[in-house]
Amino acid sequence: MKYYKKILGDRIYLSPINTDEVDSYLKWMNDESVAVPFGQYHRIVSSKNDMKWLYEPNSDMHRYAIVLIKDDILIGNISLHNIDHLNRNAFIGIFIGEKEQRGKGYGAEAIRLILNYGFKTMNLHNIMLTVHADNYEGISCYKKVGFREVGRLHEWIFKDGKYVDKIYMEMMKRDFGV
């Protein structure tokens, strides 16, 4: 597959999405370990038609493939979305789709890259994310990068027969050191 090194890190780079990789995204959106924290496991994703977001992103979104530098292998996806240029804020969404690549720090590196891009290139002031309270690995990663919890919707998400809180976390430009 063809990728472009738009935002280069030490071990990964962020590339514009290659829609030829739709089969990888179909696999990930049907993988419970990816789709549940992403909030998509309740949806049936069985064809390219179900992947409209891959082919037609919203105008208020910058979406990138997370690719290993070493072998140019796609391992996940990260985006800045709900971008509000007037108020200079946005949200981050991320997942590492390939199970064997999780827990290796690639997510944290991708987040640092997109934060740097968002704050320096796009001149954003505040970047937020949401995470399910039972996504302990995600929360640990976000805190390691410097996000802090700023709010919580109690018992907001119903999954596996119980309610889970939805946590809001943010990073301000000044906190990122820019």
Protein backbone atom coordinates (compact mmCIF):
# COMPACT_ATOMS: atom_id res chain seq x y z
CA MET A 1 0.00 0.00 0.00
CA LYS A 2 1.08 3.56 -0.62
CA TYR A 3 1.46 5.95 2.29
CA TYR A 4 2.82 9.47 2.55
CA LYS A 5 4.90 10.63 5.50
CA LYS A 6 2.81 13.70 6.33
CA ILE A 7 3.76 13.82 10.04
CA LEU A 8 6.94 11.96 10.93
CA GLY A 9 7.80 10.54 14.36
CA ASP A 10 10.57 8.30 15.67
CA ARG A 11 8.91 4.93 15.06
CA ILE A 12 5.68 5.82 13.26
CA TYR A 13 4.35 8.36 10.85
CA LEU A 14 0.91 9.73 10.14
CA SER A 15 -0.26 9.47 6.54
CA PRO A 16 -3.42 10.49 4.75
CA ILE A 17 -5.79 7.51 4.68
CA ASN A 18 -5.33 5.02 1.86
CA THR A 19 -8.83 3.78 1.04
CA ASP A 20 -7.32 0.64 -0.49
CA GLU A 21 -6.90 -0.49 3.13
CA VAL A 22 -10.67 -0.80 3.62
CA ASP A 23 -10.33 -4.50 4.50
CA SER A 24 -8.13 -3.64 7.49
CA TYR A 25 -10.68 -1.10 8.70
CA LEU A 26 -13.54 -3.58 8.19
CA LYS A 27 -11.61 -6.11 10.30
CA TRP A 28 -10.94 -3.57 13.05
CA MET A 29 -14.52 -2.23 13.18
CA ASN A 30 -15.68 -5.81 13.77
CA ASP A 31 -13.02 -6.56 16.40
CA GLU A 32 -14.62 -6.16 19.82
CA SER A 33 -11.38 -4.90 21.39
CA VAL A 34 -11.29 -1.99 18.91
CA ALA A 35 -14.97 -1.32 18.27
CA VAL A 36 -16.25 -1.27 21.87
CA PRO A 37 -13.93 1.52 23.13
CA PHE A 38 -14.47 3.28 19.80
CA GLY A 39 -18.23 3.11 20.40
CA GLN A 40 -18.95 1.18 17.22
CA TYR A 41 -19.41 -2.44 18.29
CA HIS A 42 -23.20 -2.17 18.24
CA ARG A 43 -23.11 -1.44 14.49
CA ILE A 44 -22.94 -4.06 11.79
CA VAL A 45 -20.00 -3.25 9.53
CA SER A 46 -19.92 -5.71 6.66
CA SER A 47 -19.09 -3.86 3.49
CA LYS A 48 -17.42 -0.85 1.98
CA ASN A 49 -20.83 0.87 2.05
CA ASP A 50 -20.73 0.74 5.86
CA MET A 51 -17.39 2.56 5.80
CA LYS A 52 -18.62 5.88 4.37
CA TRP A 53 -16.54 7.77 6.98
CA LEU A 54 -13.41 6.27 5.41
CA TYR A 55 -14.21 7.52 1.92
CA GLU A 56 -16.04 10.72 2.77
CA PRO A 57 -14.67 12.33 5.93
CA ASN A 58 -16.47 15.31 7.44
CA SER A 59 -15.10 18.70 6.49
CA ASP A 60 -14.25 19.38 10.15
CA MET A 61 -11.90 16.39 10.36
CA HIS A 62 -8.23 15.61 9.71
CA ARG A 63 -7.85 11.82 9.69
CA TYR A 64 -4.58 9.89 9.40
CA ALA A 65 -3.35 6.34 9.16
CA ILE A 66 -0.81 5.35 11.80
CA VAL A 67 1.99 3.55 9.94
CA LEU A 68 5.18 1.91 11.21
CA ILE A 69 8.28 3.52 9.71
CA LYS A 70 10.21 0.26 9.71
CA ASP A 71 7.97 -1.69 7.31
CA ASP A 72 5.30 0.83 6.18
CA ILE A 73 2.67 -1.30 7.95
CA LEU A 74 -0.71 0.22 8.82
CA ILE A 75 -1.48 -0.31 12.53
CA GLY A 76 -4.26 2.16 13.34
CA ASN A 77 -5.93 5.49 12.88
CA ILE A 78 -5.93 8.90 14.54
CA SER A 79 -7.97 12.00 13.84
CA LEU A 80 -8.64 15.53 14.87
CA HIS A 81 -12.38 15.99 14.50
CA ASN A 82 -15.11 18.46 15.38
CA ILE A 83 -12.49 21.09 14.54
CA ASP A 84 -13.73 24.56 15.43
CA HIS A 85 -11.37 27.10 13.85
CA LEU A 86 -13.14 30.10 15.37
CA ASN A 87 -12.76 28.87 18.95
CA ARG A 88 -9.54 26.97 18.12
CA ASN A 89 -10.50 23.59 19.56
CA ALA A 90 -10.96 19.99 18.42
CA PHE A 91 -11.31 16.41 19.61
CA ILE A 92 -8.93 13.49 19.13
CA GLY A 93 -9.99 9.99 18.18
CA ILE A 94 -7.50 7.12 18.05
CA PHE A 95 -7.25 3.37 17.88
CA ILE A 96 -4.48 0.85 17.34
CA GLY A 97 -6.20 -1.85 15.31
CA GLU A 98 -3.48 -4.45 15.22
CA LYS A 99 -3.49 -6.30 18.55
CA GLU A 100 0.19 -7.22 18.42
CA GLN A 101 1.10 -3.53 18.13
CA ARG A 102 -0.76 -2.43 21.27
CA GLY A 103 1.10 -1.64 24.47
CA LYS A 104 4.25 -0.60 22.63
CA GLY A 105 3.83 3.17 22.93
CA TYR A 106 2.70 3.74 19.34
CA GLY A 107 -0.58 5.30 20.49
CA ALA A 108 1.22 7.77 22.75
CA GLU A 109 3.63 8.68 19.95
CA ALA A 110 0.75 9.19 17.51
CA ILE A 111 -1.06 11.40 20.02
CA ARG A 112 2.06 13.53 20.57
CA LEU A 113 2.45 13.92 16.81
CA ILE A 114 -1.18 14.98 16.28
CA LEU A 115 -1.04 17.34 19.28
CA ASN A 116 2.09 18.98 17.91
CA TYR A 117 0.41 19.32 14.50
CA GLY A 118 -2.81 20.63 16.03
CA PHE A 119 -1.16 23.19 18.27
CA LYS A 120 1.70 24.36 16.04
CA THR A 121 0.37 23.97 12.50
CA MET A 122 -3.37 24.42 13.01
CA ASN A 123 -2.98 26.94 15.87
CA LEU A 124 -5.51 25.14 18.07
CA HIS A 125 -5.83 26.18 21.70
CA ASN A 126 -7.57 23.18 23.31
CA ILE A 127 -7.75 19.55 22.21
CA MET A 128 -10.12 17.17 23.98
CA LEU A 129 -11.03 13.51 23.90
CA THR A 130 -13.59 11.23 25.43
CA VAL A 131 -12.90 7.78 26.85
CA HIS A 132 -14.97 5.11 28.57
CA ALA A 133 -14.09 4.89 32.27
CA ASP A 134 -13.31 1.17 31.92
CA ASN A 135 -10.71 1.75 29.18
CA TYR A 136 -7.83 1.68 31.66
CA GLU A 137 -5.09 1.31 29.03
CA GLY A 138 -6.41 4.30 27.09
CA ILE A 139 -6.72 6.48 30.19
CA SER A 140 -3.18 5.55 31.23
CA CYS A 141 -1.86 6.46 27.79
CA TYR A 142 -3.70 9.80 27.73
CA LYS A 143 -2.42 10.74 31.19
CA LYS A 144 1.12 9.75 30.19
CA VAL A 145 0.92 12.18 27.26
CA GLY A 146 -0.38 14.93 29.57
CA PHE A 147 -4.17 14.92 29.25
CA ARG A 148 -6.16 15.60 32.39
CA GLU A 149 -9.73 14.74 33.25
CA VAL A 150 -12.06 17.74 33.09
CA GLY A 151 -15.48 16.15 33.28
CA ARG A 152 -17.50 12.98 33.51
CA LEU A 153 -20.91 11.85 32.38
CA HIS A 154 -21.99 9.29 34.93
CA GLU A 155 -23.42 5.98 33.71
CA TRP A 156 -23.55 7.34 30.16
CA ILE A 157 -22.63 4.21 28.18
CA PHE A 158 -24.41 0.86 28.45
CA LYS A 159 -22.27 -2.14 27.60
CA ASP A 160 -21.93 -5.69 28.77
CA GLY A 161 -25.06 -5.35 30.90
CA LYS A 162 -23.89 -2.37 32.96
CA TYR A 163 -23.42 1.38 32.74
CA VAL A 164 -20.00 2.98 32.39
CA ASP A 165 -19.01 6.64 32.82
CA LYS A 166 -17.83 8.70 29.86
CA ILE A 167 -14.77 10.77 30.75
CA TYR A 168 -13.73 14.04 29.07
CA MET A 169 -10.02 14.84 29.03
CA GLU A 170 -8.21 17.85 27.61
CA MET A 171 -4.83 19.25 26.71
CA MET A 172 -4.31 22.99 26.47
CA LYS A 173 -1.71 24.43 24.13
CA ARG A 174 0.23 25.93 27.04
CA ASP A 175 0.27 22.56 28.83
CA PHE A 176 1.81 20.93 25.77
CA GLY A 177 4.72 23.36 25.96
CA VAL A 178 4.00 25.25 22.78
